[in-house]
PDB file of N, CA and C in Angstrom:
ATOM      1  N   MET A   1      90.534 134.593 164.247  1.00  0.00           N
ATOM      2  CA  MET A   1      91.390 133.912 163.720  1.00  0.00           C
ATOM      3  C   MET A   1      90.328 133.828 162.112  1.00  0.00           C
ATOM      4  N   ASP A   2      89.539 133.708 161.745  1.00  0.00           N
ATOM      5  CA  ASP A   2      89.597 134.205 159.802  1.00  0.00           C
ATOM      6  C   ASP A   2      89.809 135.573 160.169  1.00  0.00           C
ATOM      7  N   GLU A   3      89.551 136.217 160.526  1.00  0.00           N
ATOM      8  CA  GLU A   3      89.474 137.957 159.717  1.00  0.00           C
ATOM      9  C   GLU A   3      91.334 138.271 159.815  1.00  0.00           C
ATOM     10  N   LEU A   4      91.932 136.989 160.624  1.00  0.00           N
ATOM     11  CA  LEU A   4      93.723 136.883 160.436  1.00  0.00           C
ATOM     12  C   LEU A   4      93.764 136.318 158.826  1.00  0.00           C
ATOM     13  N   GLN A   5      93.008 134.884 159.162  1.00  0.00           N
ATOM     14  CA  GLN A   5      93.541 134.649 157.216  1.00  0.00           C
ATOM     15  C   GLN A   5      92.883 135.485 156.086  1.00  0.00           C
ATOM     16  N   LEU A   6      91.648 136.347 156.401  1.00  0.00           N
ATOM     17  CA  LEU A   6      91.388 137.261 155.144  1.00  0.00           C
ATOM     18  C   LEU A   6      92.175 137.898 154.794  1.00  0.00           C
ATOM     19  N   ASN A   7      92.832 139.009 156.227  1.00  0.00           N
ATOM     20  CA  ASN A   7      94.011 139.836 155.495  1.00  0.00           C
ATOM     21  C   ASN A   7      94.735 139.291 154.611  1.00  0.00           C
ATOM     22  N   THR A   8      95.375 138.191 154.937  1.00  0.00           N
ATOM     23  CA  THR A   8      96.471 137.658 154.883  1.00  0.00           C
ATOM     24  C   THR A   8      96.434 137.144 152.900  1.00  0.00           C
ATOM     25  N   LYS A   9      94.923 136.802 152.298  1.00  0.00           N
ATOM     26  CA  LYS A   9      94.493 136.014 151.522  1.00  0.00           C
ATOM     27  C   LYS A   9      95.159 137.273 150.051  1.00  0.00           C
ATOM     28  N   ILE A  10      96.264 136.987 149.195  1.00  0.00           N
ATOM     29  CA  ILE A  10      96.782 137.301 148.115  1.00  0.00           C
ATOM     30  C   ILE A  10      96.046 137.008 147.289  1.00  0.00           C
ATOM     31  N   PRO A  11      95.921 137.944 146.123  1.00  0.00           N
ATOM     32  CA  PRO A  11      95.147 137.880 145.028  1.00  0.00           C
ATOM     33  C   PRO A  11      96.028 136.900 144.102  1.00  0.00           C
ATOM     34  N   TRP A  12      95.141 136.171 142.751  1.00  0.00           N
ATOM     35  CA  TRP A  12      96.193 135.172 142.276  1.00  0.00           C
ATOM     36  C   TRP A  12      97.379 136.066 141.504  1.00  0.00           C
ATOM     37  N   TYR A  13      96.785 136.854 140.807  1.00  0.00           N
ATOM     38  CA  TYR A  13      98.381 138.250 139.344  1.00  0.00           C
ATOM     39  C   TYR A  13      99.022 138.732 140.876  1.00  0.00           C
ATOM     40  N   ARG A  14      99.255 138.364 142.015  1.00  0.00           N
ATOM     41  CA  ARG A  14     100.019 138.851 143.231  1.00  0.00           C
ATOM     42  C   ARG A  14     101.072 138.092 143.983  1.00  0.00           C
ATOM     43  N   THR A  15     100.462 136.906 143.615  1.00  0.00           N
ATOM     44  CA  THR A  15     101.629 135.597 143.885  1.00  0.00           C
ATOM     45  C   THR A  15     102.669 135.183 143.045  1.00  0.00           C
ATOM     46  N   ARG A  16     103.635 135.149 144.219  1.00  0.00           N
ATOM     47  CA  ARG A  16     104.760 134.549 143.300  1.00  0.00           C
ATOM     48  C   ARG A  16     105.063 133.307 142.255  1.00  0.00           C
ATOM     49  N   LYS A  17     103.855 132.144 142.634  1.00  0.00           N
ATOM     50  CA  LYS A  17     103.321 131.068 141.735  1.00  0.00           C
ATOM     51  C   LYS A  17     103.375 131.905 140.331  1.00  0.00           C
ATOM     52  N   PHE A  18     102.331 132.396 140.325  1.00  0.00           N
ATOM     53  CA  PHE A  18     101.800 132.622 138.982  1.00  0.00           C
ATOM     54  C   PHE A  18     103.167 133.535 138.281  1.00  0.00           C
ATOM     55  N   TRP A  19     103.795 134.185 138.842  1.00  0.00           N
ATOM     56  CA  TRP A  19     104.425 135.276 138.048  1.00  0.00           C
ATOM     57  C   TRP A  19     105.630 134.498 137.763  1.00  0.00           C
ATOM     58  N   ALA A  20     106.143 133.353 138.338  1.00  0.00           N
ATOM     59  CA  ALA A  20     107.081 132.277 138.352  1.00  0.00           C
ATOM     60  C   ALA A  20     106.573 131.347 136.799  1.00  0.00           C
ATOM     61  N   ILE A  21     105.670 131.160 136.941  1.00  0.00           N
ATOM     62  CA  ILE A  21     105.247 130.568 135.320  1.00  0.00           C
ATOM     63  C   ILE A  21     105.091 131.554 134.168  1.00  0.00           C
ATOM     64  N   ILE A  22     104.923 132.865 134.463  1.00  0.00           N
ATOM     65  CA  ILE A  22     105.075 133.978 133.296  1.00  0.00           C
ATOM     66  C   ILE A  22     106.300 133.674 133.406  1.00  0.00           C
ATOM     67  N   PHE A  23     106.499 134.110 133.801  1.00  0.00           N
ATOM     68  CA  PHE A  23     108.712 133.892 133.401  1.00  0.00           C
ATOM     69  C   PHE A  23     109.207 133.265 132.841  1.00  0.00           C
ATOM     70  N   GLY A  24     108.849 131.619 133.022  1.00  0.00           N
ATOM     71  CA  GLY A  24     109.259 130.834 133.000  1.00  0.00           C
ATOM     72  C   GLY A  24     108.659 130.447 131.473  1.00  0.00           C
ATOM     73  N   LEU A  25     107.142 130.986 131.351  1.00  0.00           N
ATOM     74  CA  LEU A  25     106.998 130.424 129.717  1.00  0.00           C
ATOM     75  C   LEU A  25     107.493 131.439 128.853  1.00  0.00           C
ATOM     76  N   LEU A  26     108.201 133.354 129.403  1.00  0.00           N
ATOM     77  CA  LEU A  26     108.679 134.228 128.591  1.00  0.00           C
ATOM     78  C   LEU A  26     110.236 133.822 128.140  1.00  0.00           C
ATOM     79  N   PHE A  27     110.941 133.190 129.405  1.00  0.00           N
ATOM     80  CA  PHE A  27     112.144 131.944 128.993  1.00  0.00           C
ATOM     81  C   PHE A  27     112.254 130.774 127.909  1.00  0.00           C
ATOM     82  N   ALA A  28     110.919 130.137 128.354  1.00  0.00           N
ATOM     83  CA  ALA A  28     111.147 129.278 127.432  1.00  0.00           C
ATOM     84  C   ALA A  28     110.933 129.706 126.061  1.00  0.00           C
ATOM     85  N   TRP A  29     109.888 130.767 125.449  1.00  0.00           N
ATOM     86  CA  TRP A  29     110.098 131.597 124.262  1.00  0.00           C
ATOM     87  C   TRP A  29     110.733 131.980 123.633  1.00  0.00           C
ATOM     88  N   GLY A  30     111.777 132.564 124.670  1.00  0.00           N
ATOM     89  CA  GLY A  30     113.166 132.922 124.403  1.00  0.00           C
ATOM     90  C   GLY A  30     114.304 132.415 124.055  1.00  0.00           C
ATOM     91  N   ILE A  31     114.046 131.059 124.560  1.00  0.00           N
ATOM     92  CA  ILE A  31     115.190 129.941 123.588  1.00  0.00           C
ATOM     93  C   ILE A  31     114.707 129.732 122.684  1.00  0.00           C
ATOM     94  N   PHE A  32     113.718 129.325 122.731  1.00  0.00           N
ATOM     95  CA  PHE A  32     112.624 128.760 121.620  1.00  0.00           C
ATOM     96  C   PHE A  32     112.961 129.596 119.931  1.00  0.00           C
ATOM     97  N   PHE A  33     112.640 131.022 120.620  1.00  0.00           N
ATOM     98  CA  PHE A  33     112.627 132.152 119.140  1.00  0.00           C
ATOM     99  C   PHE A  33     114.350 132.373 119.393  1.00  0.00           C
ATOM    100  N   TYR A  34     115.373 131.803 120.200  1.00  0.00           N
ATOM    101  CA  TYR A  34     116.506 132.131 120.155  1.00  0.00           C
ATOM    102  C   TYR A  34     117.061 130.808 118.789  1.00  0.00           C
ATOM    103  N   PHE A  35     116.548 129.585 118.628  1.00  0.00           N
ATOM    104  CA  PHE A  35     117.605 128.594 118.431  1.00  0.00           C
ATOM    105  C   PHE A  35     116.020 128.890 116.395  1.00  0.00           C
ATOM    106  N   PHE A  36     114.883 129.627 116.717  1.00  0.00           N
ATOM    107  CA  PHE A  36     114.091 130.186 115.726  1.00  0.00           C
ATOM    108  C   PHE A  36     115.077 130.477 114.953  1.00  0.00           C
ATOM    109  N   ILE A  37     115.680 132.186 114.995  1.00  0.00           N
ATOM    110  CA  ILE A  37     116.739 132.321 114.572  1.00  0.00           C
ATOM    111  C   ILE A  37     118.053 132.057 113.614  1.00  0.00           C
ATOM    112  N   GLY A  38     117.821 130.739 113.461  1.00  0.00           N
ATOM    113  CA  GLY A  38     119.234 129.544 113.084  1.00  0.00           C
ATOM    114  C   GLY A  38     120.156 129.952 114.639  1.00  0.00           C
ATOM    115  N   ALA A  39     120.115 130.243 115.579  1.00  0.00           N
ATOM    116  CA  ALA A  39     121.265 130.041 116.307  1.00  0.00           C
ATOM    117  C   ALA A  39     122.524 130.538 116.450  1.00  0.00           C
ATOM    118  N   PRO A  40     122.447 131.932 115.658  1.00  0.00           N
ATOM    119  CA  PRO A  40     123.379 132.503 114.714  1.00  0.00           C
ATOM    120  C   PRO A  40     124.539 132.551 116.196  1.00  0.00           C
ATOM    121  N   GLY A  41     125.517 133.335 115.819  1.00  0.00           N
ATOM    122  CA  GLY A  41     127.149 133.659 117.011  1.00  0.00           C
ATOM    123  C   GLY A  41     127.614 131.984 117.066  1.00  0.00           C
ATOM    124  N   ARG A  42     128.333 131.863 116.521  1.00  0.00           N
ATOM    125  CA  ARG A  42     129.312 130.779 116.330  1.00  0.00           C
ATOM    126  C   ARG A  42     130.563 131.057 117.290  1.00  0.00           C
ATOM    127  N   SER A  43     130.693 132.320 117.863  1.00  0.00           N
ATOM    128  CA  SER A  43     131.585 132.588 119.560  1.00  0.00           C
ATOM    129  C   SER A  43     130.736 132.796 120.440  1.00  0.00           C
ATOM    130  N   PHE A  44     131.545 132.306 121.344  1.00  0.00           N
ATOM    131  CA  PHE A  44     131.133 132.624 122.914  1.00  0.00           C
ATOM    132  C   PHE A  44     130.138 133.589 122.994  1.00  0.00           C
ATOM    133  N   GLY A  45     131.008 135.367 122.422  1.00  0.00           N
ATOM    134  CA  GLY A  45     130.452 136.596 122.397  1.00  0.00           C
ATOM    135  C   GLY A  45     128.938 136.826 121.649  1.00  0.00           C
ATOM    136  N   GLY A  46     129.083 136.032 120.547  1.00  0.00           N
ATOM    137  CA  GLY A  46     127.991 135.946 119.604  1.00  0.00           C
ATOM    138  C   GLY A  46     126.928 135.418 120.157  1.00  0.00           C
ATOM    139  N   ILE A  47     126.918 134.299 120.841  1.00  0.00           N
ATOM    140  CA  ILE A  47     125.848 133.385 121.156  1.00  0.00           C
ATOM    141  C   ILE A  47     125.557 133.674 122.280  1.00  0.00           C
ATOM    142  N   PHE A  48     126.420 134.484 122.855  1.00  0.00           N
ATOM    143  CA  PHE A  48     125.636 135.289 124.230  1.00  0.00           C
ATOM    144  C   PHE A  48     125.338 136.767 124.123  1.00  0.00           C
ATOM    145  N   TYR A  49     125.002 137.211 123.277  1.00  0.00           N
ATOM    146  CA  TYR A  49     124.485 138.410 122.728  1.00  0.00           C
ATOM    147  C   TYR A  49     123.617 138.244 121.920  1.00  0.00           C
ATOM    148  N   TYR A  50     123.421 137.090 120.798  1.00  0.00           N
ATOM    149  CA  TYR A  50     121.891 136.336 120.804  1.00  0.00           C
ATOM    150  C   TYR A  50     120.889 135.957 121.523  1.00  0.00           C
ATOM    151  N   LEU A  51     121.483 135.210 122.528  1.00  0.00           N
ATOM    152  CA  LEU A  51     120.819 134.798 123.365  1.00  0.00           C
ATOM    153  C   LEU A  51     120.200 135.323 124.409  1.00  0.00           C
ATOM    154  N   THR A  52     121.035 136.541 125.276  1.00  0.00           N
ATOM    155  CA  THR A  52     120.305 137.705 125.909  1.00  0.00           C
ATOM    156  C   THR A  52     119.504 138.381 125.245  1.00  0.00           C
ATOM    157  N   SER A  53     119.129 138.587 123.390  1.00  0.00           N
ATOM    158  CA  SER A  53     118.624 139.367 123.109  1.00  0.00           C
ATOM    159  C   SER A  53     117.184 139.275 122.714  1.00  0.00           C
ATOM    160  N   SER A  54     117.275 137.381 122.665  1.00  0.00           N
ATOM    161  CA  SER A  54     115.734 137.026 122.219  1.00  0.00           C
ATOM    162  C   SER A  54     115.446 136.660 123.707  1.00  0.00           C
ATOM    163  N   LEU A  55     116.379 136.875 124.640  1.00  0.00           N
ATOM    164  CA  LEU A  55     115.786 136.680 126.464  1.00  0.00           C
ATOM    165  C   LEU A  55     115.019 138.210 126.655  1.00  0.00           C
ATOM    166  N   GLY A  56     114.704 139.038 125.523  1.00  0.00           N
ATOM    167  CA  GLY A  56     114.121 140.258 125.870  1.00  0.00           C
ATOM    168  C   GLY A  56     115.568 141.693 125.825  1.00  0.00           C
ATOM    169  N   GLY A  57     116.387 141.333 125.513  1.00  0.00           N
ATOM    170  CA  GLY A  57     117.963 142.038 125.339  1.00  0.00           C
ATOM    171  C   GLY A  57     117.751 143.025 123.962  1.00  0.00           C
ATOM    172  N   ALA A  58     116.766 142.741 123.438  1.00  0.00           N
ATOM    173  CA  ALA A  58     117.406 143.598 121.883  1.00  0.00           C
ATOM    174  C   ALA A  58     117.477 145.300 122.223  1.00  0.00           C
ATOM    175  N   ILE A  59     116.406 145.352 123.114  1.00  0.00           N
ATOM    176  CA  ILE A  59     116.457 147.253 122.961  1.00  0.00           C
ATOM    177  C   ILE A  59     117.591 147.761 123.977  1.00  0.00           C
ATOM    178  N   PHE A  60     117.891 146.661 124.911  1.00  0.00           N
ATOM    179  CA  PHE A  60     119.470 147.746 125.339  1.00  0.00           C
ATOM    180  C   PHE A  60     120.406 146.595 124.478  1.00  0.00           C
ATOM    181  N   GLY A  61     120.317 145.305 123.480  1.00  0.00           N
ATOM    182  CA  GLY A  61     121.403 146.306 122.179  1.00  0.00           C
ATOM    183  C   GLY A  61     121.639 147.450 121.626  1.00  0.00           C
ATOM    184  N   ILE A  62     120.131 147.267 120.796  1.00  0.00           N
ATOM    185  CA  ILE A  62     119.940 148.458 119.650  1.00  0.00           C
ATOM    186  C   ILE A  62     120.519 149.707 120.140  1.00  0.00           C
ATOM    187  N   ILE A  63     120.174 150.112 121.214  1.00  0.00           N
ATOM    188  CA  ILE A  63     120.395 151.453 121.797  1.00  0.00           C
ATOM    189  C   ILE A  63     122.132 151.654 122.200  1.00  0.00           C
ATOM    190  N   GLY A  64     123.136 149.889 122.931  1.00  0.00           N
ATOM    191  CA  GLY A  64     123.652 150.568 123.278  1.00  0.00           C
ATOM    192  C   GLY A  64     125.047 150.033 121.655  1.00  0.00           C
ATOM    193  N   ASN A  65     124.545 149.430 121.010  1.00  0.00           N
ATOM    194  CA  ASN A  65     125.506 149.449 119.529  1.00  0.00           C
ATOM    195  C   ASN A  65     125.217 150.791 118.812  1.00  0.00           C
ATOM    196  N   LYS A  66     123.992 151.924 119.294  1.00  0.00           N
ATOM    197  CA  LYS A  66     124.592 153.221 118.749  1.00  0.00           C
ATOM    198  C   LYS A  66     125.785 153.942 119.568  1.00  0.00           C
ATOM    199  N   ILE A  67     125.531 153.349 120.992  1.00  0.00           N
ATOM    200  CA  ILE A  67     126.616 154.095 121.426  1.00  0.00           C
ATOM    201  C   ILE A  67     128.224 153.144 121.441  1.00  0.00           C
ATOM    202  N   ILE A  68     128.332 152.106 121.546  1.00  0.00           N
ATOM    203  CA  ILE A  68     129.656 151.735 121.017  1.00  0.00           C
ATOM    204  C   ILE A  68     129.362 150.671 119.845  1.00  0.00           C
ATOM    205  N   PRO A  69     129.591 150.722 119.071  1.00  0.00           N
ATOM    206  CA  PRO A  69     129.374 149.927 118.056  1.00  0.00           C
ATOM    207  C   PRO A  69     130.382 149.243 117.577  1.00  0.00           C
ATOM    208  N   SER A  70     130.685 148.220 118.596  1.00  0.00           N
ATOM    209  CA  SER A  70     132.076 146.696 118.795  1.00  0.00           C
ATOM    210  C   SER A  70     131.491 145.558 119.007  1.00  0.00           C
ATOM    211  N   ASP A  71     132.267 144.847 118.962  1.00  0.00           N
ATOM    212  CA  ASP A  71     132.004 143.806 119.858  1.00  0.00           C
ATOM    213  C   ASP A  71     132.344 143.554 121.324  1.00  0.00           C
ATOM    214  N   ALA A  72     133.108 144.482 121.995  1.00  0.00           N
ATOM    215  CA  ALA A  72     132.922 144.926 123.522  1.00  0.00           C
ATOM    216  C   ALA A  72     131.673 145.303 124.076  1.00  0.00           C
ATOM    217  N   GLY A  73     131.542 146.077 123.236  1.00  0.00           N
ATOM    218  CA  GLY A  73     130.373 147.002 123.103  1.00  0.00           C
ATOM    219  C   GLY A  73     128.761 146.021 123.873  1.00  0.00           C
ATOM    220  N   ARG A  74     128.302 145.194 122.789  1.00  0.00           N
ATOM    221  CA  ARG A  74     127.603 144.209 122.428  1.00  0.00           C
ATOM    222  C   ARG A  74     128.113 143.110 124.099  1.00  0.00           C
ATOM    223  N   MET A  75     129.102 142.823 123.976  1.00  0.00           N
ATOM    224  CA  MET A  75     129.004 142.251 125.376  1.00  0.00           C
ATOM    225  C   MET A  75     128.640 143.118 126.620  1.00  0.00           C
ATOM    226  N   LEU A  76     129.125 144.225 126.446  1.00  0.00           N
ATOM    227  CA  LEU A  76     128.640 145.121 127.694  1.00  0.00           C
ATOM    228  C   LEU A  76     126.634 145.387 127.562  1.00  0.00           C
ATOM    229  N   ASP A  77     126.431 145.738 126.358  1.00  0.00           N
ATOM    230  CA  ASP A  77     124.617 146.075 126.338  1.00  0.00           C
ATOM    231  C   ASP A  77     124.082 143.985 126.824  1.00  0.00           C
ATOM    232  N   SER A  78     124.731 143.613 126.988  1.00  0.00           N
ATOM    233  CA  SER A  78     123.914 141.910 127.320  1.00  0.00           C
ATOM    234  C   SER A  78     124.562 141.944 128.704  1.00  0.00           C
ATOM    235  N   LEU A  79     125.610 142.299 129.681  1.00  0.00           N
ATOM    236  CA  LEU A  79     125.486 142.346 130.625  1.00  0.00           C
ATOM    237  C   LEU A  79     124.883 143.900 131.545  1.00  0.00           C
ATOM    238  N   VAL A  80     125.162 144.583 130.357  1.00  0.00           N
ATOM    239  CA  VAL A  80     123.746 145.611 131.090  1.00  0.00           C
ATOM    240  C   VAL A  80     122.589 144.608 131.391  1.00  0.00           C
ATOM    241  N   TYR A  81     121.667 144.283 130.351  1.00  0.00           N
ATOM    242  CA  TYR A  81     120.360 143.623 130.306  1.00  0.00           C
ATOM    243  C   TYR A  81     120.203 142.766 131.237  1.00  0.00           C
ATOM    244  N   LEU A  82     121.067 141.449 131.606  1.00  0.00           N
ATOM    245  CA  LEU A  82     121.328 140.501 132.250  1.00  0.00           C
ATOM    246  C   LEU A  82     121.745 141.410 133.794  1.00  0.00           C
ATOM    247  N   LEU A  83     122.042 142.554 134.087  1.00  0.00           N
ATOM    248  CA  LEU A  83     121.351 143.039 135.810  1.00  0.00           C
ATOM    249  C   LEU A  83     120.524 143.907 135.398  1.00  0.00           C
ATOM    250  N   PHE A  84     119.718 144.518 134.902  1.00  0.00           N
ATOM    251  CA  PHE A  84     118.231 144.391 134.463  1.00  0.00           C
ATOM    252  C   PHE A  84     117.575 143.444 134.935  1.00  0.00           C
ATOM    253  N   ALA A  85     117.800 142.402 134.421  1.00  0.00           N
ATOM    254  CA  ALA A  85     116.701 141.237 134.006  1.00  0.00           C
ATOM    255  C   ALA A  85     116.654 140.805 135.868  1.00  0.00           C
ATOM    256  N   PHE A  86     117.703 140.234 136.241  1.00  0.00           N
ATOM    257  CA  PHE A  86     118.127 139.828 137.355  1.00  0.00           C
ATOM    258  C   PHE A  86     117.869 141.268 139.095  1.00  0.00           C
ATOM    259  N   PHE A  87     117.711 142.166 138.503  1.00  0.00           N
ATOM    260  CA  PHE A  87     117.191 143.193 139.310  1.00  0.00           C
ATOM    261  C   PHE A  87     115.710 143.089 139.483  1.00  0.00           C
ATOM    262  N   LEU A  88     115.313 142.821 138.432  1.00  0.00           N
ATOM    263  CA  LEU A  88     114.220 143.093 138.364  1.00  0.00           C
ATOM    264  C   LEU A  88     113.194 141.730 138.906  1.00  0.00           C
ATOM    265  N   THR A  89     114.062 140.826 138.576  1.00  0.00           N
ATOM    266  CA  THR A  89     113.262 139.194 138.529  1.00  0.00           C
ATOM    267  C   THR A  89     113.775 139.387 140.240  1.00  0.00           C
ATOM    268  N   TYR A  90     114.461 139.672 141.383  1.00  0.00           N
ATOM    269  CA  TYR A  90     114.791 139.565 141.917  1.00  0.00           C
ATOM    270  C   TYR A  90     113.965 140.401 142.818  1.00  0.00           C
ATOM    271  N   LYS A  91     113.377 142.161 143.037  1.00  0.00           N
ATOM    272  CA  LYS A  91     111.872 143.155 143.279  1.00  0.00           C
ATOM    273  C   LYS A  91     111.293 141.877 142.784  1.00  0.00           C
ATOM    274  N   THR A  92     110.866 141.306 141.892  1.00  0.00           N
ATOM    275  CA  THR A  92     109.379 140.540 141.605  1.00  0.00           C
ATOM    276  C   THR A  92     109.351 139.663 142.549  1.00  0.00           C
ATOM    277  N   PHE A  93     110.261 139.064 142.908  1.00  0.00           N
ATOM    278  CA  PHE A  93     110.451 137.368 144.044  1.00  0.00           C
ATOM    279  C   PHE A  93     110.379 137.762 145.500  1.00  0.00           C
ATOM    280  N   ASP A  94     110.688 139.617 145.723  1.00  0.00           N
ATOM    281  CA  ASP A  94     111.980 139.183 146.474  1.00  0.00           C
ATOM    282  C   ASP A  94     110.624 139.225 147.943  1.00  0.00           C
ATOM    283  N   LYS A  95     109.137 139.789 148.330  1.00  0.00           N
ATOM    284  CA  LYS A  95     108.443 139.723 148.781  1.00  0.00           C
ATOM    285  C   LYS A  95     107.093 138.782 148.791  1.00  0.00           C
ATOM    286  N   LYS A  96     106.211 138.543 149.490  1.00  0.00           N
ATOM    287  CA  LYS A  96     105.716 137.046 149.528  1.00  0.00           C
ATOM    288  C   LYS A  96     104.465 138.088 148.227  1.00  0.00           C
ATOM    289  N   ALA A  97     103.836 138.984 148.770  1.00  0.00           N
ATOM    290  CA  ALA A  97     102.808 139.484 147.229  1.00  0.00           C
ATOM    291  C   ALA A  97     103.507 140.683 146.442  1.00  0.00           C
ATOM    292  N   VAL A  98     103.561 139.531 145.220  1.00  0.00           N
ATOM    293  CA  VAL A  98     104.283 140.911 143.958  1.00  0.00           C
ATOM    294  C   VAL A  98     103.720 142.035 144.072  1.00  0.00           C
ATOM    295  N   GLN A  99     105.018 142.907 143.824  1.00  0.00           N
ATOM    296  CA  GLN A  99     104.307 144.463 143.539  1.00  0.00           C
ATOM    297  C   GLN A  99     104.346 144.264 141.755  1.00  0.00           C
ATOM    298  N   LEU A 100     103.309 144.369 141.266  1.00  0.00           N
ATOM    299  CA  LEU A 100     103.299 144.720 139.782  1.00  0.00           C
ATOM    300  C   LEU A 100     103.765 145.330 138.793  1.00  0.00           C
ATOM    301  N   PHE A 101     104.903 146.283 139.483  1.00  0.00           N
ATOM    302  CA  PHE A 101     105.775 146.960 138.847  1.00  0.00           C
ATOM    303  C   PHE A 101     106.583 146.550 137.749  1.00  0.00           C
ATOM    304  N   TYR A 102     107.033 145.561 138.674  1.00  0.00           N
ATOM    305  CA  TYR A 102     108.391 144.743 138.247  1.00  0.00           C
ATOM    306  C   TYR A 102     108.066 143.777 137.307  1.00  0.00           C
ATOM    307  N   PRO A 103     107.537 142.662 137.604  1.00  0.00           N
ATOM    308  CA  PRO A 103     107.105 142.079 136.912  1.00  0.00           C
ATOM    309  C   PRO A 103     106.481 142.230 135.552  1.00  0.00           C
ATOM    310  N   LEU A 104     105.208 143.238 135.412  1.00  0.00           N
ATOM    311  CA  LEU A 104     104.978 144.278 134.818  1.00  0.00           C
ATOM    312  C   LEU A 104     105.706 144.841 133.306  1.00  0.00           C
ATOM    313  N   LEU A 105     106.975 145.854 133.866  1.00  0.00           N
ATOM    314  CA  LEU A 105     108.197 146.078 133.682  1.00  0.00           C
ATOM    315  C   LEU A 105     108.804 144.600 132.748  1.00  0.00           C
ATOM    316  N   PHE A 106     109.396 143.947 133.248  1.00  0.00           N
ATOM    317  CA  PHE A 106     110.035 142.868 132.568  1.00  0.00           C
ATOM    318  C   PHE A 106     109.458 142.490 131.454  1.00  0.00           C
ATOM    319  N   THR A 107     108.383 141.940 131.306  1.00  0.00           N
ATOM    320  CA  THR A 107     107.408 141.311 130.453  1.00  0.00           C
ATOM    321  C   THR A 107     107.100 142.546 129.419  1.00  0.00           C
ATOM    322  N   ILE A 108     106.956 143.819 129.836  1.00  0.00           N
ATOM    323  CA  ILE A 108     106.432 144.558 128.523  1.00  0.00           C
ATOM    324  C   ILE A 108     107.977 144.664 127.851  1.00  0.00           C
ATOM    325  N   ASN A 109     109.059 145.740 128.293  1.00  0.00           N
ATOM    326  CA  ASN A 109     110.800 144.747 127.736  1.00  0.00           C
ATOM    327  C   ASN A 109     110.238 143.455 126.917  1.00  0.00           C
ATOM    328  N   PHE A 110     109.870 142.418 127.549  1.00  0.00           N
ATOM    329  CA  PHE A 110     110.644 141.016 126.443  1.00  0.00           C
ATOM    330  C   PHE A 110     109.634 141.290 125.986  1.00  0.00           C
ATOM    331  N   LEU A 111     108.213 141.534 125.903  1.00  0.00           N
ATOM    332  CA  LEU A 111     107.622 141.545 124.530  1.00  0.00           C
ATOM    333  C   LEU A 111     107.688 142.601 123.041  1.00  0.00           C
ATOM    334  N   VAL A 112     108.028 143.613 123.378  1.00  0.00           N
ATOM    335  CA  VAL A 112     108.857 144.734 122.931  1.00  0.00           C
ATOM    336  C   VAL A 112     109.768 144.588 122.557  1.00  0.00           C
ATOM    337  N   SER A 113     111.131 143.883 122.975  1.00  0.00           N
ATOM    338  CA  SER A 113     111.988 143.294 122.438  1.00  0.00           C
ATOM    339  C   SER A 113     111.608 142.015 121.317  1.00  0.00           C
ATOM    340  N   ALA A 114     111.089 141.209 121.777  1.00  0.00           N
ATOM    341  CA  ALA A 114     110.628 139.976 120.748  1.00  0.00           C
ATOM    342  C   ALA A 114     109.998 140.736 119.641  1.00  0.00           C
ATOM    343  N   ILE A 115     109.284 141.811 119.448  1.00  0.00           N
ATOM    344  CA  ILE A 115     108.215 142.205 118.357  1.00  0.00           C
ATOM    345  C   ILE A 115     109.573 143.405 117.779  1.00  0.00           C
ATOM    346  N   VAL A 116     110.355 143.639 118.349  1.00  0.00           N
ATOM    347  CA  VAL A 116     111.842 144.448 117.499  1.00  0.00           C
ATOM    348  C   VAL A 116     112.492 143.275 116.744  1.00  0.00           C
ATOM    349  N   ILE A 117     112.611 142.371 116.983  1.00  0.00           N
ATOM    350  CA  ILE A 117     113.583 141.359 116.781  1.00  0.00           C
ATOM    351  C   ILE A 117     112.835 140.741 115.370  1.00  0.00           C
ATOM    352  N   ILE A 118     111.455 140.538 115.366  1.00  0.00           N
ATOM    353  CA  ILE A 118     110.893 139.797 114.508  1.00  0.00           C
ATOM    354  C   ILE A 118     110.654 141.467 113.486  1.00  0.00           C
ATOM    355  N   LEU A 119     110.634 142.562 113.561  1.00  0.00           N
ATOM    356  CA  LEU A 119     110.401 143.730 112.508  1.00  0.00           C
ATOM    357  C   LEU A 119     111.536 143.415 111.975  1.00  0.00           C
ATOM    358  N   LEU A 120     112.477 143.205 112.580  1.00  0.00           N
ATOM    359  CA  LEU A 120     114.288 143.155 111.869  1.00  0.00           C
ATOM    360  C   LEU A 120     114.158 141.911 111.236  1.00  0.00           C
ATOM    361  N   LEU A 121     114.081 141.177 112.014  1.00  0.00           N
ATOM    362  CA  LEU A 121     114.036 140.252 111.029  1.00  0.00           C
ATOM    363  C   LEU A 121     113.017 139.894 109.662  1.00  0.00           C
ATOM    364  N   GLY A 122     112.042 140.371 109.708  1.00  0.00           N
ATOM    365  CA  GLY A 122     111.119 140.801 108.743  1.00  0.00           C
ATOM    366  C   GLY A 122     111.716 141.796 107.800  1.00  0.00           C
ATOM    367  N   ALA A 123     112.753 142.774 108.078  1.00  0.00           N
ATOM    368  CA  ALA A 123     113.005 144.064 106.906  1.00  0.00           C
ATOM    369  C   ALA A 123     114.305 142.949 106.813  1.00  0.00           C
ATOM    370  N   ALA A 124     114.240 142.201 107.155  1.00  0.00           N
ATOM    371  CA  ALA A 124     115.879 141.255 106.351  1.00  0.00           C
ATOM    372  C   ALA A 124     115.891 140.317 105.576  1.00  0.00           C
ATOM    373  N   GLY A 125     114.805 140.106 105.584  1.00  0.00           N
ATOM    374  CA  GLY A 125     113.895 139.375 104.394  1.00  0.00           C
ATOM    375  C   GLY A 125     113.923 138.280 104.748  1.00  0.00           C
TER     376      GLY A 125
END
C-alpha cells in the first residue's frame, strides 16, 4: 500500500492547485493592467480587444493587425487569442498531473505580452 502511495505523489509544481493559483494571479494582473491603462475603448469591440490584450493577447493583436488592419481584424485577433488561451488552459488541467509545457507556454505568452504593452505605453509617452 505504501509503495502505491509513493508512486502517486505528484510534485507541487505539477499540481492543478499550484497552476490554478498562478493562472488566477495572471488573470488578476491582467484585469488590473486593463484598468491601469485607463480602460480604453468605449465600444464592445474596443473593450473586448483591450481586455484580451491585457490578458496576454497583445502579441496576437500586433501580428494580426499587420495582416488585417481593421476593427474586424482586431476582433478576429482577440477570438484567436481566446481560443489559444482556452486550449492551453484545457490542456493544463486535463490530467491530474499537469504537463508543464502548456502552463509555461501560457505564462511566457502572458509575460511577453505584458512587456510589449508596457514598452508600447512607454514609447507613446
